[in-house]
């Protein structure tokens, strides 16, 4: 039996909390003249060179990062893929 995965989130460092507050301030400044479109908001929070998620030096993917894909959590995705493949190509 596989152990239950730990889905708890780490507490952000003081540096990351400050960065988040600066991002919020930046977004507020951008919204002085009106609301941001969804695409503008996403561009800011993901790609802003100083405050965006992908502008961060932190590891985002994998077991040590913020994002883990389903295949990294368990073999179920691979098992389902193999099952479907065998339905199409039973000789493999």
N, C-alpha and C. Protein backbone atom coordinates (compact mmCIF):
# COMPACT_ATOMS: atom_id res chain seq x y z
N UNK A 1 0.84 -1.18 0.00
CA UNK A 1 0.00 0.00 0.00
C UNK A 1 0.89 1.25 0.00
N UNK A 2 0.55 2.18 -0.86
CA UNK A 2 1.33 3.41 -0.96
C UNK A 2 0.97 4.36 0.19
N UNK A 3 1.97 5.07 0.73
CA UNK A 3 1.66 6.04 1.79
C UNK A 3 0.87 7.21 1.21
N UNK A 4 0.07 7.83 2.06
CA UNK A 4 -0.69 9.01 1.65
C UNK A 4 0.28 10.14 1.32
N UNK A 5 0.08 10.82 0.19
CA UNK A 5 0.95 11.94 -0.14
C UNK A 5 0.70 13.12 0.79
N UNK A 6 1.73 13.90 1.01
CA UNK A 6 1.64 15.09 1.85
C UNK A 6 1.31 16.28 0.96
N UNK A 7 0.11 16.81 1.07
CA UNK A 7 -0.31 17.93 0.25
C UNK A 7 -0.22 19.26 1.00
N UNK A 8 0.40 19.26 2.16
CA UNK A 8 0.51 20.50 2.92
C UNK A 8 1.44 21.47 2.21
N UNK A 9 1.20 22.74 2.42
CA UNK A 9 2.02 23.77 1.79
C UNK A 9 3.02 24.32 2.79
N UNK A 10 4.24 24.61 2.33
CA UNK A 10 5.23 25.19 3.25
C UNK A 10 4.88 26.65 3.55
N UNK A 11 5.30 27.12 4.70
CA UNK A 11 5.12 28.53 5.04
C UNK A 11 6.15 29.33 4.24
N UNK A 12 5.70 30.36 3.51
CA UNK A 12 6.65 31.14 2.71
C UNK A 12 7.69 31.82 3.59
N UNK A 13 8.88 31.94 3.05
CA UNK A 13 9.94 32.65 3.77
C UNK A 13 9.57 34.12 3.89
N UNK A 14 10.25 34.82 4.78
CA UNK A 14 10.02 36.26 4.94
C UNK A 14 10.27 36.96 3.62
N UNK A 15 11.31 36.57 2.91
CA UNK A 15 11.63 37.16 1.61
C UNK A 15 10.48 36.96 0.62
N UNK A 16 9.92 35.76 0.58
CA UNK A 16 8.80 35.49 -0.33
C UNK A 16 7.55 36.26 0.07
N UNK A 17 7.33 36.43 1.36
CA UNK A 17 6.17 37.20 1.82
C UNK A 17 6.31 38.67 1.41
N UNK A 18 7.52 39.20 1.52
CA UNK A 18 7.79 40.58 1.10
C UNK A 18 7.58 40.71 -0.40
N UNK A 19 8.07 39.74 -1.16
CA UNK A 19 7.90 39.75 -2.62
C UNK A 19 6.41 39.74 -2.97
N UNK A 20 5.62 38.94 -2.26
CA UNK A 20 4.18 38.88 -2.50
C UNK A 20 3.52 40.23 -2.23
N UNK A 21 3.92 40.88 -1.14
CA UNK A 21 3.35 42.19 -0.82
C UNK A 21 3.72 43.22 -1.87
N UNK A 22 4.94 43.14 -2.38
CA UNK A 22 5.35 44.06 -3.45
C UNK A 22 4.55 43.81 -4.73
N UNK A 23 4.28 42.55 -5.01
CA UNK A 23 3.45 42.22 -6.17
C UNK A 23 2.04 42.80 -5.99
N UNK A 24 1.49 42.66 -4.81
CA UNK A 24 0.15 43.22 -4.54
C UNK A 24 0.16 44.73 -4.73
N UNK A 25 1.19 45.40 -4.21
CA UNK A 25 1.31 46.86 -4.39
C UNK A 25 1.41 47.21 -5.87
N UNK A 26 2.20 46.44 -6.61
CA UNK A 26 2.36 46.66 -8.05
C UNK A 26 1.02 46.51 -8.77
N UNK A 27 0.27 45.47 -8.42
CA UNK A 27 -1.04 45.26 -9.05
C UNK A 27 -2.00 46.39 -8.72
N UNK A 28 -1.97 46.87 -7.49
CA UNK A 28 -2.83 48.00 -7.11
C UNK A 28 -2.50 49.24 -7.94
N UNK A 29 -1.21 49.48 -8.15
CA UNK A 29 -0.80 50.62 -8.98
C UNK A 29 -1.29 50.46 -10.41
N UNK A 30 -1.22 49.25 -10.92
CA UNK A 30 -1.71 48.99 -12.28
C UNK A 30 -3.21 49.19 -12.39
N UNK A 31 -3.94 49.02 -11.28
CA UNK A 31 -5.40 49.11 -11.32
C UNK A 31 -5.95 50.48 -10.93
N UNK A 32 -5.08 51.48 -10.81
CA UNK A 32 -5.53 52.82 -10.44
C UNK A 32 -6.57 53.34 -11.44
N UNK A 33 -6.35 53.08 -12.71
CA UNK A 33 -7.25 53.58 -13.76
C UNK A 33 -8.38 52.60 -14.10
N UNK A 34 -8.44 51.48 -13.43
CA UNK A 34 -9.50 50.51 -13.71
C UNK A 34 -8.98 49.10 -13.55
N UNK A 35 -9.89 48.14 -13.64
CA UNK A 35 -9.49 46.74 -13.45
C UNK A 35 -8.59 46.23 -14.57
N UNK A 36 -7.79 45.25 -14.22
CA UNK A 36 -6.94 44.57 -15.21
C UNK A 36 -7.75 43.47 -15.88
N UNK A 37 -7.45 43.23 -17.14
CA UNK A 37 -8.05 42.06 -17.79
C UNK A 37 -7.42 40.81 -17.17
N UNK A 38 -8.08 39.69 -17.34
CA UNK A 38 -7.53 38.44 -16.82
C UNK A 38 -6.15 38.17 -17.41
N UNK A 39 -5.99 38.39 -18.72
CA UNK A 39 -4.69 38.11 -19.35
C UNK A 39 -3.60 39.04 -18.83
N UNK A 40 -3.93 40.31 -18.57
CA UNK A 40 -2.94 41.23 -18.01
C UNK A 40 -2.56 40.83 -16.58
N UNK A 41 -3.57 40.43 -15.81
CA UNK A 41 -3.31 39.97 -14.45
C UNK A 41 -2.38 38.76 -14.46
N UNK A 42 -2.70 37.77 -15.29
CA UNK A 42 -1.88 36.56 -15.35
C UNK A 42 -0.46 36.88 -15.83
N UNK A 43 -0.34 37.78 -16.79
CA UNK A 43 0.99 38.18 -17.27
C UNK A 43 1.81 38.78 -16.13
N UNK A 44 1.18 39.61 -15.31
CA UNK A 44 1.89 40.23 -14.19
C UNK A 44 2.31 39.20 -13.15
N UNK A 45 1.36 38.37 -12.70
CA UNK A 45 1.68 37.45 -11.60
C UNK A 45 2.59 36.31 -12.03
N UNK A 46 2.59 35.98 -13.31
CA UNK A 46 3.45 34.89 -13.76
C UNK A 46 4.79 35.37 -14.32
N UNK A 47 4.78 36.47 -15.09
CA UNK A 47 5.96 36.82 -15.86
C UNK A 47 6.62 38.15 -15.51
N UNK A 48 6.11 38.87 -14.54
CA UNK A 48 6.77 40.13 -14.16
C UNK A 48 8.21 39.81 -13.78
N UNK A 49 9.18 40.58 -14.30
CA UNK A 49 10.60 40.22 -14.07
C UNK A 49 11.04 40.23 -12.60
N UNK A 50 10.40 41.02 -11.77
CA UNK A 50 10.79 41.07 -10.35
C UNK A 50 9.86 40.29 -9.43
N UNK A 51 8.57 40.27 -9.74
CA UNK A 51 7.59 39.70 -8.82
C UNK A 51 6.88 38.46 -9.35
N UNK A 52 7.03 38.16 -10.62
CA UNK A 52 6.30 37.05 -11.23
C UNK A 52 6.80 35.69 -10.77
N UNK A 53 5.90 34.73 -10.83
CA UNK A 53 6.21 33.36 -10.40
C UNK A 53 7.40 32.79 -11.15
N UNK A 54 7.41 32.95 -12.47
CA UNK A 54 8.51 32.39 -13.25
C UNK A 54 9.76 33.26 -13.23
N UNK A 55 9.66 34.45 -12.67
CA UNK A 55 10.84 35.29 -12.48
C UNK A 55 11.60 34.91 -11.22
N UNK A 56 11.01 34.02 -10.44
CA UNK A 56 11.60 33.58 -9.18
C UNK A 56 12.77 32.65 -9.43
N UNK A 57 13.73 32.69 -8.54
CA UNK A 57 14.88 31.78 -8.63
C UNK A 57 14.56 30.43 -8.00
N UNK A 58 13.38 30.32 -7.39
CA UNK A 58 13.01 29.07 -6.73
C UNK A 58 12.66 27.99 -7.75
N UNK A 59 12.83 26.76 -7.32
CA UNK A 59 12.44 25.62 -8.15
C UNK A 59 10.92 25.54 -8.12
N UNK A 60 10.29 25.49 -9.30
CA UNK A 60 8.84 25.43 -9.34
C UNK A 60 8.30 24.01 -9.48
N UNK A 61 9.04 23.14 -10.16
CA UNK A 61 8.52 21.82 -10.49
C UNK A 61 9.28 20.72 -9.78
N UNK A 62 8.65 19.58 -9.61
CA UNK A 62 9.29 18.43 -8.99
C UNK A 62 9.00 18.35 -7.50
N UNK A 63 9.54 17.34 -6.89
CA UNK A 63 9.26 17.07 -5.48
C UNK A 63 9.70 18.21 -4.57
N UNK A 64 10.75 18.93 -4.93
CA UNK A 64 11.21 20.03 -4.10
C UNK A 64 10.61 21.37 -4.47
N UNK A 65 9.74 21.38 -5.46
CA UNK A 65 9.17 22.64 -5.93
C UNK A 65 7.73 22.84 -5.53
N UNK A 66 7.10 23.81 -6.17
CA UNK A 66 5.71 24.14 -5.88
C UNK A 66 4.73 23.25 -6.64
N UNK A 67 5.17 22.67 -7.72
CA UNK A 67 4.25 21.97 -8.61
C UNK A 67 4.76 20.58 -8.88
N UNK A 68 3.93 19.62 -8.62
CA UNK A 68 4.27 18.22 -8.89
C UNK A 68 3.18 17.67 -9.79
N UNK A 69 3.57 17.09 -10.90
CA UNK A 69 2.58 16.54 -11.82
C UNK A 69 2.10 15.18 -11.33
N UNK A 70 0.96 14.75 -11.81
CA UNK A 70 0.38 13.47 -11.40
C UNK A 70 1.34 12.29 -11.60
N UNK A 71 2.07 12.20 -12.73
CA UNK A 71 2.99 11.07 -12.88
C UNK A 71 4.08 11.02 -11.81
N UNK A 72 4.39 12.16 -11.22
CA UNK A 72 5.40 12.17 -10.16
C UNK A 72 4.82 11.72 -8.82
N UNK A 73 3.53 11.76 -8.67
CA UNK A 73 2.87 11.39 -7.43
C UNK A 73 2.62 9.89 -7.30
N UNK A 74 2.29 9.26 -8.43
CA UNK A 74 1.97 7.83 -8.38
C UNK A 74 2.09 7.22 -9.77
N UNK A 75 2.08 5.88 -9.84
CA UNK A 75 2.18 5.21 -11.14
C UNK A 75 0.83 5.10 -11.86
N UNK A 76 -0.24 5.67 -11.33
CA UNK A 76 -1.57 5.48 -11.91
C UNK A 76 -1.68 6.03 -13.33
N UNK A 77 -1.07 7.17 -13.60
CA UNK A 77 -1.13 7.73 -14.95
C UNK A 77 -0.48 6.78 -15.94
N UNK A 78 0.70 6.30 -15.61
CA UNK A 78 1.41 5.37 -16.50
C UNK A 78 0.62 4.09 -16.68
N UNK A 79 0.02 3.58 -15.62
CA UNK A 79 -0.76 2.34 -15.72
C UNK A 79 -1.96 2.54 -16.64
N UNK A 80 -2.62 3.67 -16.54
CA UNK A 80 -3.76 3.96 -17.42
C UNK A 80 -3.34 4.11 -18.86
N UNK A 81 -2.20 4.74 -19.06
CA UNK A 81 -1.67 4.91 -20.41
C UNK A 81 -1.32 3.56 -21.03
N UNK A 82 -0.67 2.71 -20.27
CA UNK A 82 -0.31 1.37 -20.76
C UNK A 82 -1.58 0.58 -21.07
N UNK A 83 -2.57 0.66 -20.22
CA UNK A 83 -3.83 -0.06 -20.44
C UNK A 83 -4.45 0.37 -21.77
N UNK A 84 -4.55 1.67 -22.00
CA UNK A 84 -5.14 2.17 -23.25
C UNK A 84 -4.30 1.76 -24.45
N UNK A 85 -3.00 1.83 -24.33
CA UNK A 85 -2.11 1.42 -25.42
C UNK A 85 -2.33 -0.05 -25.77
N UNK A 86 -2.48 -0.88 -24.76
CA UNK A 86 -2.69 -2.32 -24.99
C UNK A 86 -4.04 -2.59 -25.64
N UNK A 87 -5.03 -1.73 -25.41
CA UNK A 87 -6.31 -1.89 -26.08
C UNK A 87 -6.18 -1.64 -27.59
N UNK A 88 -5.32 -0.71 -27.94
CA UNK A 88 -5.10 -0.37 -29.35
C UNK A 88 -4.15 -1.35 -30.01
N UNK A 89 -3.09 -1.71 -29.31
CA UNK A 89 -2.04 -2.60 -29.83
C UNK A 89 -1.86 -3.78 -28.87
N UNK A 90 -2.73 -4.79 -28.91
CA UNK A 90 -2.67 -5.88 -27.94
C UNK A 90 -1.41 -6.74 -28.03
N UNK A 91 -0.69 -6.69 -29.11
CA UNK A 91 0.51 -7.53 -29.26
C UNK A 91 1.73 -6.92 -28.59
N UNK A 92 1.64 -5.69 -28.16
CA UNK A 92 2.80 -5.00 -27.58
C UNK A 92 2.92 -5.35 -26.12
